[in-house]
């Protein structure tokens, strides 16, 4: 369910990412981009509500990705796929 569908007011922000990530994001279908935006929005709101530091959140995400077998090489290949 997208955030717009639950009556939340949406606002546009800019986030800096590397060129490959931007290219990968822009090449996604609109629906997939909206899903990623919703996931990021939810996670950022969780951080602010629970008082977690962004550093801790990023470490947690990284640890979970590594535990699931995601390596920098696999991530790069996924981002390079078109």
Protein backbone atom coordinates (compact mmCIF):
# COMPACT_ATOMS: atom_id res chain seq x y z
CA UNK A 1 0.00 0.00 0.00
CA UNK A 2 1.46 3.34 -0.97
CA UNK A 3 1.55 6.17 1.53
CA UNK A 4 -0.66 8.36 -0.63
CA UNK A 5 -3.35 5.72 -0.31
CA UNK A 6 -3.44 6.04 3.48
CA UNK A 7 -4.05 9.77 3.45
CA UNK A 8 -0.56 10.93 4.32
CA UNK A 9 0.49 14.28 2.92
CA UNK A 10 3.47 13.78 0.63
CA UNK A 11 6.35 16.18 0.09
CA UNK A 12 9.26 15.96 -2.35
CA UNK A 13 12.83 15.92 -1.02
CA UNK A 14 16.16 15.54 -2.82
CA UNK A 15 18.57 12.79 -1.83
CA UNK A 16 22.06 12.58 -3.26
CA UNK A 17 23.07 9.17 -4.60
CA UNK A 18 25.85 8.02 -6.90
CA UNK A 19 25.28 8.14 -10.66
CA UNK A 20 24.76 4.38 -11.02
CA UNK A 21 22.09 4.32 -8.32
CA UNK A 22 20.32 7.27 -9.92
CA UNK A 23 20.42 5.55 -13.30
CA UNK A 24 19.04 2.33 -11.84
CA UNK A 25 16.24 4.20 -10.03
CA UNK A 26 15.29 6.21 -13.11
CA UNK A 27 15.17 3.07 -15.25
CA UNK A 28 12.60 1.40 -12.96
CA UNK A 29 8.92 1.39 -13.87
CA UNK A 30 6.97 4.17 -12.13
CA UNK A 31 5.22 1.69 -9.81
CA UNK A 32 8.55 0.29 -8.59
CA UNK A 33 9.94 3.78 -8.01
CA UNK A 34 6.87 4.64 -5.93
CA UNK A 35 7.34 1.46 -3.88
CA UNK A 36 10.96 2.33 -3.16
CA UNK A 37 9.96 5.87 -2.22
CA UNK A 38 7.31 4.49 0.14
CA UNK A 39 9.81 2.11 1.77
CA UNK A 40 12.32 4.91 2.29
CA UNK A 41 9.62 7.18 3.69
CA UNK A 42 8.46 4.52 6.13
CA UNK A 43 11.98 3.75 7.30
CA UNK A 44 12.89 7.42 7.76
CA UNK A 45 9.72 8.01 9.75
CA UNK A 46 10.57 5.02 11.97
CA UNK A 47 13.97 6.56 12.65
CA UNK A 48 12.48 9.86 13.73
CA UNK A 49 9.76 8.26 15.87
CA UNK A 50 12.06 5.90 17.73
CA UNK A 51 14.94 8.34 18.15
CA UNK A 52 17.36 6.02 16.38
CA UNK A 53 20.46 7.56 14.89
CA UNK A 54 20.76 7.37 11.14
CA UNK A 55 24.14 5.71 11.59
CA UNK A 56 22.53 2.88 13.59
CA UNK A 57 19.81 2.42 10.99
CA UNK A 58 22.33 2.27 8.17
CA UNK A 59 24.45 -0.24 10.11
CA UNK A 60 21.37 -2.39 10.77
CA UNK A 61 20.41 -2.36 7.08
CA UNK A 62 23.98 -3.20 6.08
CA UNK A 63 24.21 -6.04 8.62
CA UNK A 64 20.91 -7.54 7.46
CA UNK A 65 21.97 -7.31 3.81
CA UNK A 66 25.30 -9.02 4.57
CA UNK A 67 23.56 -11.73 6.63
CA UNK A 68 21.35 -12.43 3.63
CA UNK A 69 24.39 -12.79 1.38
CA UNK A 70 24.41 -9.40 -0.29
CA UNK A 71 27.97 -8.42 -1.16
CA UNK A 72 29.15 -5.15 -2.71
CA UNK A 73 29.72 -7.06 -5.96
CA UNK A 74 26.19 -8.46 -6.01
CA UNK A 75 24.73 -5.05 -5.19
CA UNK A 76 26.69 -3.47 -8.03
CA UNK A 77 25.54 -6.14 -10.49
CA UNK A 78 21.93 -5.63 -9.41
CA UNK A 79 22.20 -1.89 -9.89
CA UNK A 80 23.88 -2.34 -13.26
CA UNK A 81 21.06 -4.55 -14.60
CA UNK A 82 18.78 -2.85 -17.05
